[in-house]
Amino acid sequence: MLEELKARPLKAENLIEYQEGAVVSREIIRKNTGTVTVFAFDKGEGLSEHTAPFDAMVQVIDGKAEITISGNKNVLEKGDMIIMPANDPHALHALERFKMILTMIRS
């Protein structure tokens, strides 16, 4: 965990800034058992379909995104979350600028 983030209240959406035409990420916790990463996606940006060997949870902290899991499209907005099961193909697309927290559990 980044030292400046420890033991103090934080606004999740302030942990990362948007960049025009880009996807930006900031890992805030890295352990053998998992990671927590904050992402900011400009409108129209995304992650192409891929799989991961671990369960992961997405929490949308700003904006709106389409998250497709095993061919099923889901629209999520600020305050929503979804679990992406291990080994299921998934993709993300920013319907508008959005920020998310990705928690990946490895054990």
Protein backbone atom coordinates (compact mmCIF):
# COMPACT_ATOMS: atom_id res chain seq x y z
CA MET A 1 0.00 0.00 0.00
CA LEU A 2 1.22 3.49 -0.72
CA GLU A 3 2.34 5.11 2.51
CA GLU A 4 0.38 8.33 1.94
CA LEU A 5 -2.87 6.32 1.81
CA LYS A 6 -2.49 4.49 5.10
CA ALA A 7 -4.69 5.05 8.15
CA ARG A 8 -6.63 8.10 6.97
CA PRO A 9 -9.99 8.71 5.33
CA LEU A 10 -9.91 9.11 1.55
CA LYS A 11 -12.39 9.91 -1.21
CA ALA A 12 -12.10 6.98 -3.62
CA GLU A 13 -12.82 9.07 -6.71
CA ASN A 14 -9.95 11.43 -5.81
CA LEU A 15 -7.32 8.65 -5.86
CA ILE A 16 -6.88 8.96 -9.65
CA GLU A 17 -7.47 11.57 -12.35
CA TYR A 18 -8.87 11.20 -15.85
CA GLN A 19 -6.59 11.62 -18.84
CA GLU A 20 -8.00 12.45 -22.27
CA GLY A 21 -8.12 9.40 -24.57
CA ALA A 22 -6.59 7.09 -22.00
CA VAL A 23 -7.07 4.43 -19.37
CA VAL A 24 -5.12 5.24 -16.20
CA SER A 25 -4.50 2.87 -13.29
CA ARG A 26 -3.03 3.15 -9.81
CA GLU A 27 -2.39 0.10 -7.67
CA ILE A 28 -3.07 0.94 -4.04
CA ILE A 29 -2.64 -2.48 -2.40
CA ARG A 30 -0.50 -5.41 -3.56
CA LYS A 31 -0.35 -8.59 -1.50
CA ASN A 32 0.27 -12.23 -2.36
CA THR A 33 -3.43 -12.84 -1.75
CA GLY A 34 -4.67 -10.06 -4.04
CA THR A 35 -4.57 -6.50 -5.28
CA VAL A 36 -6.68 -3.36 -5.20
CA THR A 37 -6.31 -1.05 -8.19
CA VAL A 38 -8.10 2.19 -9.06
CA PHE A 39 -8.79 2.90 -12.75
CA ALA A 40 -9.96 5.98 -14.67
CA PHE A 41 -11.33 5.52 -18.21
CA ASP A 42 -11.98 8.36 -20.61
CA LYS A 43 -15.29 8.14 -22.53
CA GLY A 44 -15.06 5.48 -25.25
CA GLU A 45 -12.00 3.79 -23.74
CA GLY A 46 -12.04 0.27 -22.37
CA LEU A 47 -10.40 -3.09 -21.91
CA SER A 48 -10.86 -5.70 -24.63
CA GLU A 49 -12.21 -9.13 -23.78
CA HIS A 50 -9.84 -11.18 -21.65
CA THR A 51 -9.88 -13.69 -18.80
CA ALA A 52 -8.26 -13.74 -15.38
CA PRO A 53 -7.50 -16.81 -13.28
CA PHE A 54 -9.00 -15.19 -10.15
CA ASP A 55 -12.33 -13.74 -9.05
CA ALA A 56 -12.45 -9.95 -9.23
CA MET A 57 -14.89 -7.32 -8.02
CA VAL A 58 -15.49 -4.02 -9.79
CA GLN A 59 -16.92 -1.07 -7.85
CA VAL A 60 -17.86 1.95 -9.98
CA ILE A 61 -16.96 5.14 -8.10
CA ASP A 62 -17.76 7.68 -10.84
CA GLY A 63 -19.49 7.71 -14.22
CA LYS A 64 -21.01 4.89 -16.26
CA ALA A 65 -19.62 1.75 -17.93
CA GLU A 66 -20.69 -1.33 -19.80
CA ILE A 67 -19.12 -4.49 -18.41
CA THR A 68 -19.63 -7.66 -20.45
CA ILE A 69 -19.13 -11.01 -18.70
CA SER A 70 -19.45 -14.22 -20.73
CA GLY A 71 -21.40 -12.33 -23.40
CA ASN A 72 -23.86 -10.73 -20.93
CA LYS A 73 -23.80 -6.91 -21.05
CA ASN A 74 -24.24 -5.02 -17.79
CA VAL A 75 -24.48 -1.24 -17.42
CA LEU A 76 -23.06 0.01 -14.13
CA GLU A 77 -23.11 3.50 -12.65
CA LYS A 78 -21.55 5.17 -9.63
CA GLY A 79 -22.30 3.07 -6.56
CA ASP A 80 -22.79 -0.20 -8.47
CA MET A 81 -20.56 -3.26 -8.24
CA ILE A 82 -20.23 -6.58 -10.03
CA ILE A 83 -18.21 -9.76 -9.48
CA MET A 84 -16.34 -11.15 -12.46
CA PRO A 85 -15.83 -14.90 -11.91
CA ALA A 86 -12.44 -16.47 -12.50
CA ASN A 87 -11.84 -17.68 -16.06
CA ASP A 88 -15.01 -16.04 -17.47
CA PRO A 89 -14.25 -13.76 -20.44
CA HIS A 90 -14.99 -10.12 -19.65
CA ALA A 91 -14.56 -6.67 -21.19
CA LEU A 92 -15.15 -3.06 -20.13
CA HIS A 93 -16.27 -0.03 -22.13
CA ALA A 94 -16.69 3.53 -20.84
CA LEU A 95 -20.13 4.83 -21.85
CA GLU A 96 -18.98 8.07 -20.27
CA ARG A 97 -15.89 8.85 -18.24
CA PHE A 98 -15.80 6.42 -15.35
CA LYS A 99 -13.64 5.38 -12.43
CA MET A 100 -13.61 2.02 -10.72
CA ILE A 101 -11.92 0.07 -7.97
CA LEU A 102 -10.84 -3.42 -9.02
CA THR A 103 -10.29 -5.88 -6.19
CA MET A 104 -8.71 -9.15 -7.30
CA ILE A 105 -8.54 -12.06 -4.87
CA ARG A 106 -5.86 -14.67 -5.57
CA SER A 107 -6.62 -17.24 -2.89
